[in-house]
Amino acid sequence: LVPRAGGRAVSFDPGSITLDTARNYPFLRVEHVSRDRRLRVATEFRAPPQATTIELVTRLHNIGPDLVRSVELGERTRWPGAPTFAPRVGFPRLTSRADVSWLAREGTKHSYALAFPRRPVEAQFLFDRIGPVGQETLARLGDVPPDAVVEHRRMLAVVAGGLGEAAETAFAGLRREVG
């Protein structure tokens, strides 16, 4: 998880991991509080029975007395050894940025997709001297007043097959038809 406020990374103390069994199916919840005690972040990893994807739902709660400006939430994914694919971007070959609704990595037996059903996010594709090392995705959630909560949802899929299967799953998660 990559939380930022006002363009700066926010540091968090080690958090807690709990198994929530109060709903129709169990899921994991990971919670953290920022070192300055202004923010609480909870991420739920939801995998309903028979689902082929995991839904990640992160809620950021401003528990401090002041407005927190320019909140961004996202993640760093490290899929080294193979390039990442993003629609309308293709396979980036250099460090770059783009707004994306999903991205994927093709494997030999399985492929992986990370989709953002509510709104596109800004992806930064990262490289070193050898090649691609991963990417960072950030959803811009705006200013968060005291005692307010903002939410960021995404979907993670692992599919048998190649990039076509990953794209089909990502588009289905975005509720878009594949032509």
Protein backbone atom coordinates (compact mmCIF):
# COMPACT_ATOMS: atom_id res chain seq x y z
CA LEU A 1 0.00 0.00 0.00
CA VAL A 2 1.30 3.47 -0.92
CA PRO A 3 -0.48 6.29 0.95
CA ARG A 4 0.44 9.90 0.19
CA ALA A 5 -0.83 13.20 1.50
CA GLY A 6 0.15 16.56 0.09
CA GLY A 7 2.49 14.83 -2.36
CA ARG A 8 4.51 13.14 0.38
CA ALA A 9 4.64 9.51 1.46
CA VAL A 10 2.95 8.85 4.82
CA SER A 11 4.74 6.54 7.27
CA PHE A 12 2.75 3.98 9.23
CA ASP A 13 3.50 1.92 12.32
CA PRO A 14 3.23 -1.86 12.02
CA GLY A 15 -0.41 -2.78 11.94
CA SER A 16 -2.70 -5.63 12.74
CA ILE A 17 -4.08 -8.45 10.62
CA THR A 18 -7.46 -9.92 11.52
CA LEU A 19 -9.73 -12.52 10.02
CA ASP A 20 -13.27 -11.13 9.82
CA THR A 21 -15.90 -13.87 9.96
CA ALA A 22 -18.97 -11.69 10.60
CA ARG A 23 -20.11 -11.60 6.96
CA ASN A 24 -21.22 -14.24 4.46
CA TYR A 25 -17.62 -15.34 3.93
CA PRO A 26 -14.38 -14.71 5.84
CA PHE A 27 -11.86 -12.11 4.66
CA LEU A 28 -8.62 -10.55 5.87
CA ARG A 29 -8.40 -6.99 7.18
CA VAL A 30 -5.04 -5.24 7.55
CA GLU A 31 -5.04 -2.02 9.60
CA HIS A 32 -2.40 0.65 10.18
CA VAL A 33 -2.24 4.02 11.93
CA SER A 34 0.12 6.72 10.69
CA ARG A 35 3.09 7.59 12.86
CA ASP A 36 1.73 11.11 13.35
CA ARG A 37 -1.62 9.59 14.47
CA ARG A 38 -3.63 11.54 11.85
CA LEU A 39 -4.70 8.68 9.59
CA ARG A 40 -6.07 5.16 9.98
CA VAL A 41 -5.96 2.87 6.94
CA ALA A 42 -7.77 -0.47 6.71
CA THR A 43 -7.55 -2.77 3.68
CA GLU A 44 -9.88 -5.72 3.27
CA PHE A 45 -8.93 -8.65 1.02
CA ARG A 46 -12.25 -10.14 -0.10
CA ALA A 47 -12.47 -13.46 -1.96
CA PRO A 48 -16.08 -14.69 -1.99
CA PRO A 49 -16.68 -18.41 -2.57
CA GLN A 50 -16.47 -19.37 -6.25
CA ALA A 51 -14.89 -15.99 -7.12
CA THR A 52 -12.00 -15.86 -9.56
CA THR A 53 -10.75 -12.51 -8.27
CA ILE A 54 -9.83 -10.83 -5.01
CA GLU A 55 -11.37 -7.46 -4.27
CA LEU A 56 -9.14 -5.07 -2.33
CA VAL A 57 -11.00 -2.30 -0.49
CA THR A 58 -8.96 0.33 1.33
CA ARG A 59 -10.56 2.95 3.56
CA LEU A 60 -8.55 5.90 4.82
CA HIS A 61 -10.03 7.67 7.88
CA ASN A 62 -8.78 11.11 8.91
CA ILE A 63 -8.69 10.72 12.70
CA GLY A 64 -6.77 13.96 13.21
CA PRO A 65 -8.17 17.45 13.88
CA ASP A 66 -7.02 19.00 10.57
CA LEU A 67 -7.85 18.71 6.88
CA VAL A 68 -5.49 16.31 5.05
CA ARG A 69 -4.83 17.59 1.56
CA SER A 70 -4.27 15.75 -1.71
CA VAL A 71 -4.67 12.16 -0.52
CA GLU A 72 -3.52 9.43 -2.90
CA LEU A 73 -3.73 5.68 -2.31
CA GLY A 74 -2.26 2.89 -4.34
CA GLU A 75 0.29 0.13 -4.42
CA ARG A 76 3.67 -0.88 -5.70
CA THR A 77 3.57 -4.09 -7.65
CA ARG A 78 6.82 -5.87 -8.42
CA TRP A 79 6.51 -8.16 -11.40
CA PRO A 80 10.18 -8.38 -12.42
CA GLY A 81 11.44 -10.21 -15.46
CA ALA A 82 8.58 -9.42 -17.82
CA PRO A 83 7.02 -6.18 -19.00
CA THR A 84 3.71 -4.93 -17.69
CA PHE A 85 0.88 -4.36 -20.15
CA ALA A 86 -1.65 -1.52 -19.89
CA PRO A 87 -4.46 -0.73 -22.34
CA ARG A 88 -3.69 2.18 -24.71
CA VAL A 89 -0.09 2.06 -23.43
CA GLY A 90 1.00 -1.41 -24.49
CA PHE A 91 4.27 -2.63 -23.00
CA PRO A 92 6.21 0.41 -21.72
CA ARG A 93 9.92 0.27 -22.52
CA LEU A 94 11.07 3.24 -20.43
CA THR A 95 10.18 4.79 -17.10
CA SER A 96 6.93 6.61 -17.81
CA ARG A 97 3.49 7.55 -16.46
CA ALA A 98 -0.01 6.99 -17.78
CA ASP A 99 -3.60 6.93 -16.56
CA VAL A 100 -4.82 3.33 -16.69
CA SER A 101 -8.00 1.43 -15.81
CA TRP A 102 -6.08 -1.86 -15.46
CA LEU A 103 -2.68 -3.41 -15.98
CA ALA A 104 -1.44 -6.95 -16.34
CA ARG A 105 1.61 -9.19 -16.47
CA GLU A 106 1.73 -12.28 -18.61
CA GLY A 107 3.32 -15.41 -17.19
CA THR A 108 4.14 -18.79 -18.70
CA LYS A 109 1.17 -20.61 -17.12
CA HIS A 110 -0.71 -17.84 -15.31
CA SER A 111 -1.22 -14.15 -15.89
CA TYR A 112 -2.05 -11.41 -13.40
CA ALA A 113 -4.33 -8.40 -13.70
CA LEU A 114 -4.93 -5.45 -11.39
CA ALA A 115 -8.06 -3.45 -12.30
CA PHE A 116 -9.49 -0.20 -10.95
CA PRO A 117 -13.30 -0.29 -11.35
CA ARG A 118 -14.18 3.15 -9.97
CA ARG A 119 -11.77 5.39 -11.84
CA PRO A 120 -8.47 5.21 -13.71
CA VAL A 121 -5.31 5.60 -11.65
CA GLU A 122 -1.95 7.10 -12.47
CA ALA A 123 0.59 4.35 -13.12
CA GLN A 124 4.32 4.93 -13.06
CA PHE A 125 6.21 2.16 -14.84
CA LEU A 126 9.60 1.53 -13.24
CA PHE A 127 12.81 0.26 -14.86
CA ASP A 128 16.42 -0.28 -13.90
CA ARG A 129 19.48 -0.96 -16.12
CA ILE A 130 18.34 -4.53 -16.77
CA GLY A 131 14.68 -3.91 -17.58
CA PRO A 132 11.23 -3.57 -16.01
CA VAL A 133 11.01 -3.93 -12.23
CA GLY A 134 7.36 -3.03 -11.53
CA GLN A 135 5.04 -0.11 -11.20
CA GLU A 136 3.33 2.18 -8.74
CA THR A 137 -0.34 3.02 -9.12
CA LEU A 138 -2.00 5.93 -7.31
CA ALA A 139 -5.67 6.92 -7.12
CA ARG A 140 -6.17 10.61 -6.41
CA LEU A 141 -8.83 10.83 -3.69
CA GLY A 142 -8.60 14.54 -2.88
CA ASP A 143 -8.78 16.38 0.42
CA VAL A 144 -10.05 14.54 3.51
CA PRO A 145 -11.69 16.60 6.28
CA PRO A 146 -11.43 15.57 9.95
CA ASP A 147 -13.42 12.40 10.75
CA ALA A 148 -14.09 11.73 7.03
CA VAL A 149 -13.38 8.47 5.21
CA VAL A 150 -12.31 7.94 1.58
CA GLU A 151 -12.29 4.59 -0.20
CA HIS A 152 -10.17 3.00 -2.95
CA ARG A 153 -11.26 -0.27 -4.62
CA ARG A 154 -9.34 -2.53 -6.94
CA MET A 155 -9.52 -6.08 -8.20
CA LEU A 156 -6.67 -8.60 -8.41
CA ALA A 157 -6.96 -11.63 -10.68
CA VAL A 158 -4.74 -14.61 -11.35
CA VAL A 159 -5.89 -16.43 -14.48
CA ALA A 160 -4.76 -19.58 -16.24
CA GLY A 161 -3.48 -18.57 -19.64
CA GLY A 162 -2.04 -15.51 -21.25
CA LEU A 163 -2.65 -11.81 -21.58
CA GLY A 164 -5.95 -12.30 -23.43
CA GLU A 165 -7.48 -14.11 -20.45
CA ALA A 166 -6.13 -11.46 -18.06
CA ALA A 167 -7.60 -8.68 -20.24
CA GLU A 168 -10.97 -10.43 -20.42
CA THR A 169 -11.07 -10.76 -16.61
CA ALA A 170 -10.00 -7.13 -16.12
CA PHE A 171 -12.66 -5.83 -18.53
CA ALA A 172 -15.32 -7.99 -16.83
CA GLY A 173 -14.29 -6.45 -13.48
CA LEU A 174 -14.76 -3.02 -15.03
CA ARG A 175 -18.17 -4.15 -16.36
CA ARG A 176 -17.07 -3.61 -19.97
CA GLU A 177 -17.79 -6.00 -22.78
CA VAL A 178 -14.93 -7.57 -24.64
CA GLY A 179 -15.44 -7.38 -28.41
